[in-house]
Amino acid sequence: MIVLILIFILSFVLGRYSVPPGQLLEVLATRVLPLEQRWSDTVETVIFQVRLPRILAAIMIGAALSTAGAAYQGMFKNPLVSPDILGASAGAGFGAALGIYFSFSMIGIQIMAFIGGLAAVALTYGISLRIRHDPMLALVLSGIMIGSLFTAAISGIKYIADPYDKLPAITFWLMGSLASINPQDIYMVVVPIMAGMILLFLLRWRLNVMAMGEEEAQVLGLNTRRLKAVVILCCTLMTAASVSVSGLIGWVGLVIPHLARMIVGPNYQVLLPASILLGGGYLLLVDDLARLLASMEIPLGILTALIGVPFFLYLLLNSKWGWK
């Protein structure tokens, strides 16, 4: 939490338009104290209209993806599971690509992405229910198939899109970025992300039981089918809402739960809060790097892969693997 607070404050100061820390504290204090204004209106605009929405979006999206990854890894008893395992990211990407192709407004594109993510997971879950043997394997395989289907559909849209206008927009959106975040985007995603996160937190002890295995959970009295449906719904809401405003950002939901598990252990009573704090701080730090490393902003999906892959390889090579 301390690290997250430090990155939060640092993110306001860093950027092309520099804001001294003392002036930042004064501007923030004016929201609760009647202080005399000794700065330009531009400073307030940069802080409250540009950087604050972007910082809040990075924290919420990072926390949502890492929480969804932690929940899925426990439910599937598989450390290689990530939030897009059931096709939510591919479905959201298809919805956004479709919205860009038909020249929808930014809000329309975000709504299409959100609907696409929900539709993809609904298809995955509906198909898995018709497969009687090994429900978990059926769910994973259905997710892989639906994800591949929507990925192929995205490629089809890119193939027929205008190469001078629509194709670059679709390609850049799929790389992931928070450059165009505004306060309205925060209002749009805060409800589904917070709803999913709070509900998963309330179910944290049941996730501990599910991590022991589905048969053991049933013996202990859990309705595993209903619990899986609730967990999938929460994770899908968070993932689809995140992707709808940020584009595709990989590796956060795979790497951060492992890091949290290394620090606090596998108990979901503390693993979920740790994943929320680490995920929010991590994506906020990566977003700061995306803004500052080059003259042009680097897409988040590129940076999260460049950072996440070596870190995950380090975990593979140096950790004693076991799903306890």
Protein backbone atom coordinates (compact mmCIF):
# COMPACT_ATOMS: atom_id res chain seq x y z
CA MET A 1 0.00 0.00 0.00
CA ILE A 2 2.88 2.37 0.80
CA VAL A 3 4.48 1.64 -2.57
CA LEU A 4 1.17 2.26 -4.34
CA ILE A 5 0.75 5.62 -2.56
CA LEU A 6 4.29 6.68 -3.52
CA ILE A 7 3.76 5.74 -7.18
CA PHE A 8 0.39 7.53 -7.08
CA ILE A 9 2.00 10.80 -5.95
CA LEU A 10 4.98 10.39 -8.29
CA SER A 11 2.69 9.88 -11.29
CA PHE A 12 1.23 13.38 -10.86
CA VAL A 13 4.69 14.97 -10.89
CA LEU A 14 6.11 13.07 -13.88
CA GLY A 15 5.27 14.06 -17.44
CA ARG A 16 5.93 16.50 -20.28
CA TYR A 17 4.31 19.28 -18.26
CA SER A 18 6.16 19.27 -14.94
CA VAL A 19 4.26 19.93 -11.71
CA PRO A 20 6.43 20.54 -8.61
CA PRO A 21 5.49 18.32 -5.62
CA GLY A 22 4.76 21.32 -3.37
CA GLN A 23 2.43 22.85 -5.93
CA LEU A 24 0.76 19.47 -6.46
CA LEU A 25 -0.06 19.19 -2.75
CA GLU A 26 -1.45 22.73 -2.74
CA VAL A 27 -3.69 22.05 -5.73
CA LEU A 28 -4.96 18.79 -4.24
CA ALA A 29 -5.56 20.50 -0.90
CA THR A 30 -7.86 23.06 -2.52
CA ARG A 31 -10.45 20.30 -2.93
CA VAL A 32 -10.90 20.18 0.86
CA LEU A 33 -9.41 23.48 2.13
CA PRO A 34 -10.16 27.11 1.10
CA LEU A 35 -6.67 28.03 -0.14
CA GLU A 36 -5.71 31.00 -2.28
CA GLN A 37 -4.92 30.04 -5.88
CA ARG A 38 -1.27 30.77 -6.70
CA TRP A 39 -1.00 28.70 -9.88
CA SER A 40 -2.34 28.85 -13.40
CA ASP A 41 -5.52 27.19 -14.59
CA THR A 42 -3.38 25.00 -16.84
CA VAL A 43 -1.89 23.27 -13.81
CA GLU A 44 -5.36 22.39 -12.50
CA THR A 45 -6.40 21.13 -15.92
CA VAL A 46 -3.32 18.91 -16.21
CA ILE A 47 -3.81 17.46 -12.72
CA PHE A 48 -7.57 16.93 -12.61
CA GLN A 49 -8.54 16.46 -16.26
CA VAL A 50 -5.50 14.66 -17.69
CA ARG A 51 -3.40 12.91 -15.05
CA LEU A 52 -5.94 12.06 -12.33
CA PRO A 53 -8.30 10.11 -14.66
CA ARG A 54 -5.34 8.29 -16.19
CA ILE A 55 -3.86 7.41 -12.78
CA LEU A 56 -7.20 6.17 -11.45
CA ALA A 57 -7.78 4.13 -14.62
CA ALA A 58 -4.33 2.50 -14.38
CA ILE A 59 -4.90 1.56 -10.73
CA MET A 60 -8.40 0.17 -11.34
CA ILE A 61 -7.45 -1.77 -14.48
CA GLY A 62 -4.29 -3.22 -12.95
CA ALA A 63 -6.18 -4.22 -9.80
CA ALA A 64 -9.05 -5.72 -11.83
CA LEU A 65 -6.82 -7.82 -14.12
CA SER A 66 -4.65 -9.11 -11.27
CA THR A 67 -7.67 -9.95 -9.12
CA ALA A 68 -9.33 -11.80 -12.00
CA GLY A 69 -6.10 -13.70 -12.64
CA ALA A 70 -5.75 -14.69 -8.97
CA ALA A 71 -9.36 -15.90 -8.83
CA TYR A 72 -9.05 -17.93 -12.04
CA GLN A 73 -5.75 -19.50 -11.00
CA GLY A 74 -7.33 -20.75 -7.78
CA MET A 75 -10.55 -21.92 -9.40
CA PHE A 76 -8.78 -23.81 -12.20
CA LYS A 77 -5.91 -24.95 -9.92
CA ASN A 78 -3.54 -23.86 -12.66
CA PRO A 79 -0.76 -21.24 -12.23
CA LEU A 80 -0.71 -20.50 -15.97
CA VAL A 81 -4.28 -19.21 -16.18
CA SER A 82 -4.88 -15.52 -16.95
CA PRO A 83 -8.04 -13.34 -17.16
CA ASP A 84 -8.41 -13.90 -20.91
CA ILE A 85 -8.56 -17.71 -20.60
CA LEU A 86 -12.30 -17.76 -21.38
CA GLY A 87 -12.08 -15.40 -24.35
CA ALA A 88 -13.06 -12.11 -22.68
CA SER A 89 -10.15 -10.14 -24.12
CA ALA A 90 -10.58 -11.54 -27.64
CA GLY A 91 -14.32 -10.83 -27.53
CA ALA A 92 -13.75 -7.28 -26.31
CA GLY A 93 -11.12 -6.76 -29.00
CA PHE A 94 -13.56 -7.94 -31.66
CA GLY A 95 -16.27 -5.59 -30.35
CA ALA A 96 -13.89 -2.64 -30.39
CA ALA A 97 -12.56 -3.49 -33.87
CA LEU A 98 -16.15 -3.68 -35.12
CA GLY A 99 -16.94 -0.31 -33.55
CA ILE A 100 -13.87 1.31 -35.11
CA TYR A 101 -14.66 -0.24 -38.50
CA PHE A 102 -18.18 1.26 -38.47
CA SER A 103 -16.85 4.65 -37.25
CA PHE A 104 -18.62 4.62 -33.88
CA SER A 105 -17.85 7.30 -31.31
CA MET A 106 -15.38 6.52 -28.53
CA ILE A 107 -18.21 5.70 -26.13
CA GLY A 108 -19.78 3.46 -28.77
CA ILE A 109 -16.48 1.61 -29.26
CA GLN A 110 -16.15 1.09 -25.51
CA ILE A 111 -19.71 -0.22 -25.24
CA MET A 112 -19.11 -2.58 -28.17
CA ALA A 113 -15.92 -3.85 -26.51
CA PHE A 114 -17.74 -4.44 -23.23
CA ILE A 115 -20.58 -6.30 -24.94
CA GLY A 116 -18.10 -8.34 -27.00
CA GLY A 117 -16.25 -9.49 -23.87
CA LEU A 118 -19.46 -10.54 -22.13
CA ALA A 119 -20.72 -12.31 -25.26
CA ALA A 120 -17.50 -14.30 -25.70
CA VAL A 121 -17.53 -15.61 -22.12
CA ALA A 122 -21.28 -16.34 -22.32
CA LEU A 123 -20.61 -18.49 -25.41
CA THR A 124 -17.72 -20.24 -23.67
CA TYR A 125 -19.75 -21.00 -20.56
CA GLY A 126 -22.79 -22.13 -22.58
CA ILE A 127 -20.70 -24.55 -24.66
CA SER A 128 -18.92 -25.96 -21.59
CA LEU A 129 -22.26 -26.77 -19.92
CA ARG A 130 -23.08 -29.14 -22.79
CA ILE A 131 -19.88 -31.14 -22.25
CA ARG A 132 -20.55 -33.65 -19.50
CA HIS A 133 -17.09 -35.02 -18.72
CA ASP A 134 -14.41 -33.00 -16.88
CA PRO A 135 -16.19 -29.59 -16.52
CA MET A 136 -13.00 -27.61 -15.84
CA LEU A 137 -11.21 -28.96 -18.91
CA ALA A 138 -14.34 -28.35 -20.96
CA LEU A 139 -14.43 -24.73 -19.79
CA VAL A 140 -10.77 -24.12 -20.66
CA LEU A 141 -11.00 -25.77 -24.08
CA SER A 142 -14.20 -23.89 -24.88
CA GLY A 143 -12.46 -20.64 -23.90
CA ILE A 144 -9.52 -21.42 -26.17
CA MET A 145 -11.82 -22.17 -29.11
CA ILE A 146 -13.99 -19.08 -28.64
CA GLY A 147 -10.89 -16.90 -28.14
CA SER A 148 -9.40 -18.24 -31.37
CA LEU A 149 -12.68 -17.63 -33.18
CA PHE A 150 -12.87 -13.99 -32.10
CA THR A 151 -9.16 -13.49 -32.82
CA ALA A 152 -9.75 -14.74 -36.37
CA ALA A 153 -12.71 -12.35 -36.65
CA ILE A 154 -10.46 -9.46 -35.59
CA SER A 155 -7.97 -10.43 -38.30
CA GLY A 156 -10.81 -10.48 -40.82
CA ILE A 157 -11.90 -6.95 -39.86
CA LYS A 158 -8.30 -5.72 -40.08
CA TYR A 159 -7.98 -7.31 -43.53
CA ILE A 160 -10.97 -5.44 -44.97
CA ALA A 161 -10.42 -2.18 -43.03
CA ASP A 162 -9.18 1.01 -44.70
CA PRO A 163 -5.36 0.73 -44.49
CA TYR A 164 -4.92 4.50 -44.13
CA ASP A 165 -7.52 5.17 -41.45
CA LYS A 166 -9.33 2.27 -39.76
CA LEU A 167 -6.51 -0.30 -39.78
CA PRO A 168 -4.00 1.88 -37.83
CA ALA A 169 -6.72 2.77 -35.31
CA ILE A 170 -7.64 -0.89 -34.74
CA THR A 171 -3.98 -1.93 -34.50
CA PHE A 172 -3.12 0.79 -32.00
CA TRP A 173 -6.21 0.05 -29.88
CA LEU A 174 -5.31 -3.64 -29.71
CA MET A 175 -1.85 -2.74 -28.36
CA GLY A 176 -3.36 -1.17 -25.25
CA SER A 177 -3.05 2.41 -24.06
CA LEU A 178 -4.43 4.85 -21.49
CA ALA A 179 -3.55 7.95 -23.51
CA SER A 180 -7.16 8.86 -24.31
CA ILE A 181 -8.64 8.24 -20.85
CA ASN A 182 -11.01 10.95 -19.60
CA PRO A 183 -13.25 11.34 -16.51
CA GLN A 184 -16.25 9.86 -18.34
CA ASP A 185 -14.30 6.62 -18.90
CA ILE A 186 -13.75 6.33 -15.15
CA TYR A 187 -17.48 6.66 -14.48
CA MET A 188 -18.16 3.99 -17.10
CA VAL A 189 -15.86 1.28 -15.68
CA VAL A 190 -15.87 1.95 -11.94
CA VAL A 191 -19.21 0.19 -11.31
CA PRO A 192 -18.47 -3.19 -13.04
CA ILE A 193 -14.88 -3.28 -11.74
CA MET A 194 -15.82 -2.45 -8.14
CA ALA A 195 -18.84 -4.79 -8.21
CA GLY A 196 -16.73 -7.73 -9.40
CA MET A 197 -13.89 -6.97 -7.00
CA ILE A 198 -16.12 -6.61 -3.92
CA LEU A 199 -18.06 -9.78 -4.70
CA LEU A 200 -14.84 -11.79 -5.16
CA PHE A 201 -13.52 -10.40 -1.88
CA LEU A 202 -16.69 -11.56 -0.12
CA LEU A 203 -16.19 -15.04 -1.63
CA ARG A 204 -12.50 -15.24 -0.73
CA TRP A 205 -12.80 -18.13 1.75
CA ARG A 206 -14.80 -20.13 -0.82
CA LEU A 207 -11.97 -19.56 -3.30
CA ASN A 208 -9.63 -21.16 -0.74
CA VAL A 209 -11.85 -24.25 -0.77
CA MET A 210 -12.10 -24.28 -4.59
CA ALA A 211 -8.30 -24.19 -4.80
CA MET A 212 -8.29 -27.59 -3.07
CA GLY A 213 -10.17 -29.13 -5.98
CA GLU A 214 -13.77 -29.36 -7.13
CA GLU A 215 -14.49 -32.74 -5.52
CA GLU A 216 -13.12 -31.62 -2.16
CA ALA A 217 -15.17 -28.43 -2.36
CA GLN A 218 -18.34 -30.42 -3.04
CA VAL A 219 -17.62 -32.72 -0.09
CA LEU A 220 -17.29 -29.63 2.13
CA GLY A 221 -20.74 -28.47 1.04
CA LEU A 222 -20.05 -25.88 -1.68
CA ASN A 223 -22.27 -25.58 -4.71
CA THR A 224 -19.30 -25.54 -7.08
CA ARG A 225 -21.33 -24.98 -10.23
CA ARG A 226 -22.97 -21.85 -8.83
CA LEU A 227 -19.67 -20.62 -7.38
CA LYS A 228 -17.90 -21.05 -10.73
CA ALA A 229 -20.66 -19.11 -12.46
CA VAL A 230 -20.35 -16.23 -9.97
CA VAL A 231 -16.54 -16.14 -10.20
CA ILE A 232 -16.67 -16.20 -14.01
CA LEU A 233 -19.26 -13.40 -14.01
CA CYS A 234 -17.16 -11.22 -11.68
CA CYS A 235 -13.93 -11.80 -13.60
CA THR A 236 -15.66 -11.21 -16.94
CA LEU A 237 -17.19 -7.92 -15.76
CA MET A 238 -13.78 -6.68 -14.56
CA THR A 239 -11.86 -7.89 -17.63
CA ALA A 240 -14.39 -6.66 -20.20
CA ALA A 241 -14.69 -3.26 -18.49
CA SER A 242 -10.90 -2.91 -18.34
CA VAL A 243 -10.31 -3.90 -21.95
CA SER A 244 -13.14 -1.64 -23.16
CA VAL A 245 -11.26 1.52 -22.11
CA SER A 246 -7.61 0.45 -22.26
CA GLY A 247 -7.35 -2.06 -25.11
CA LEU A 248 -5.57 -5.39 -24.71
CA ILE A 249 -3.05 -5.39 -21.85
CA GLY A 250 -1.47 -8.78 -21.27
CA TRP A 251 0.59 -10.43 -18.55
CA VAL A 252 -0.76 -8.36 -15.63
CA GLY A 253 -3.29 -11.02 -14.62
CA LEU A 254 -0.70 -13.79 -15.01
CA VAL A 255 2.40 -12.34 -13.34
CA ILE A 256 1.02 -10.21 -10.50
CA PRO A 257 -0.92 -13.01 -8.73
CA HIS A 258 2.31 -15.04 -8.67
CA LEU A 259 4.19 -12.12 -7.15
CA ALA A 260 1.44 -11.64 -4.56
CA ARG A 261 1.51 -15.35 -3.75
CA MET A 262 5.29 -15.20 -3.23
CA ILE A 263 4.86 -12.33 -0.75
CA VAL A 264 1.76 -13.28 1.26
CA GLY A 265 1.11 -16.94 0.43
CA PRO A 266 -1.87 -18.71 -1.18
CA ASN A 267 -4.56 -17.75 1.39
CA TYR A 268 -7.17 -15.70 -0.48
CA GLN A 269 -7.96 -13.76 2.69
CA VAL A 270 -4.74 -11.84 2.04
CA LEU A 271 -3.93 -12.86 -1.54
CA LEU A 272 -6.81 -10.89 -3.06
CA PRO A 273 -5.99 -7.59 -1.25
CA ALA A 274 -2.31 -8.06 -2.12
CA SER A 275 -3.18 -8.69 -5.79
CA ILE A 276 -5.35 -5.55 -5.86
CA LEU A 277 -2.57 -3.34 -4.43
CA LEU A 278 0.26 -4.88 -6.46
CA GLY A 279 -1.72 -4.89 -9.70
CA GLY A 280 -2.75 -1.26 -9.34
CA GLY A 281 0.77 -0.11 -8.49
CA TYR A 282 2.37 -2.21 -11.22
CA LEU A 283 0.20 -0.98 -14.09
CA LEU A 284 0.48 2.61 -12.87
CA LEU A 285 4.27 2.32 -12.89
CA VAL A 286 4.25 0.75 -16.36
CA ASP A 287 1.98 3.55 -17.60
CA ASP A 288 4.45 6.12 -16.24
CA LEU A 289 7.22 4.37 -18.16
CA ALA A 290 5.07 4.36 -21.30
CA ARG A 291 4.71 8.14 -21.04
CA LEU A 292 8.37 8.90 -20.32
CA LEU A 293 10.65 6.38 -22.02
CA ALA A 294 10.38 7.80 -25.54
CA SER A 295 9.29 10.93 -27.34
CA MET A 296 6.18 9.05 -28.48
CA GLU A 297 4.07 7.11 -26.02
CA ILE A 298 4.75 3.36 -25.99
CA PRO A 299 1.67 1.08 -26.04
CA LEU A 300 1.10 -0.62 -22.70
CA GLY A 301 0.73 -4.09 -24.20
CA ILE A 302 4.31 -3.93 -25.48
CA LEU A 303 5.77 -2.86 -22.14
CA THR A 304 3.81 -5.35 -20.03
CA ALA A 305 5.05 -8.16 -22.28
CA LEU A 306 8.66 -6.93 -22.22
CA ILE A 307 8.57 -6.77 -18.41
CA GLY A 308 6.29 -9.72 -17.73
CA VAL A 309 7.93 -12.39 -19.87
CA PRO A 310 11.45 -12.15 -18.32
CA PHE A 311 9.96 -11.96 -14.82
CA PHE A 312 7.79 -15.01 -15.42
CA LEU A 313 10.76 -16.92 -16.85
CA TYR A 314 12.70 -16.01 -13.71
CA LEU A 315 9.89 -17.44 -11.59
CA LEU A 316 9.85 -20.63 -13.67
CA LEU A 317 13.59 -21.13 -13.36
CA ASN A 318 14.09 -20.15 -9.72
CA SER A 319 10.89 -21.07 -7.86
CA LYS A 320 9.95 -24.38 -6.32
CA TRP A 321 6.76 -25.08 -8.21
CA GLY A 322 3.83 -26.66 -6.51
CA TRP A 323 0.20 -25.72 -6.16
CA LYS A 324 -0.32 -25.76 -2.41
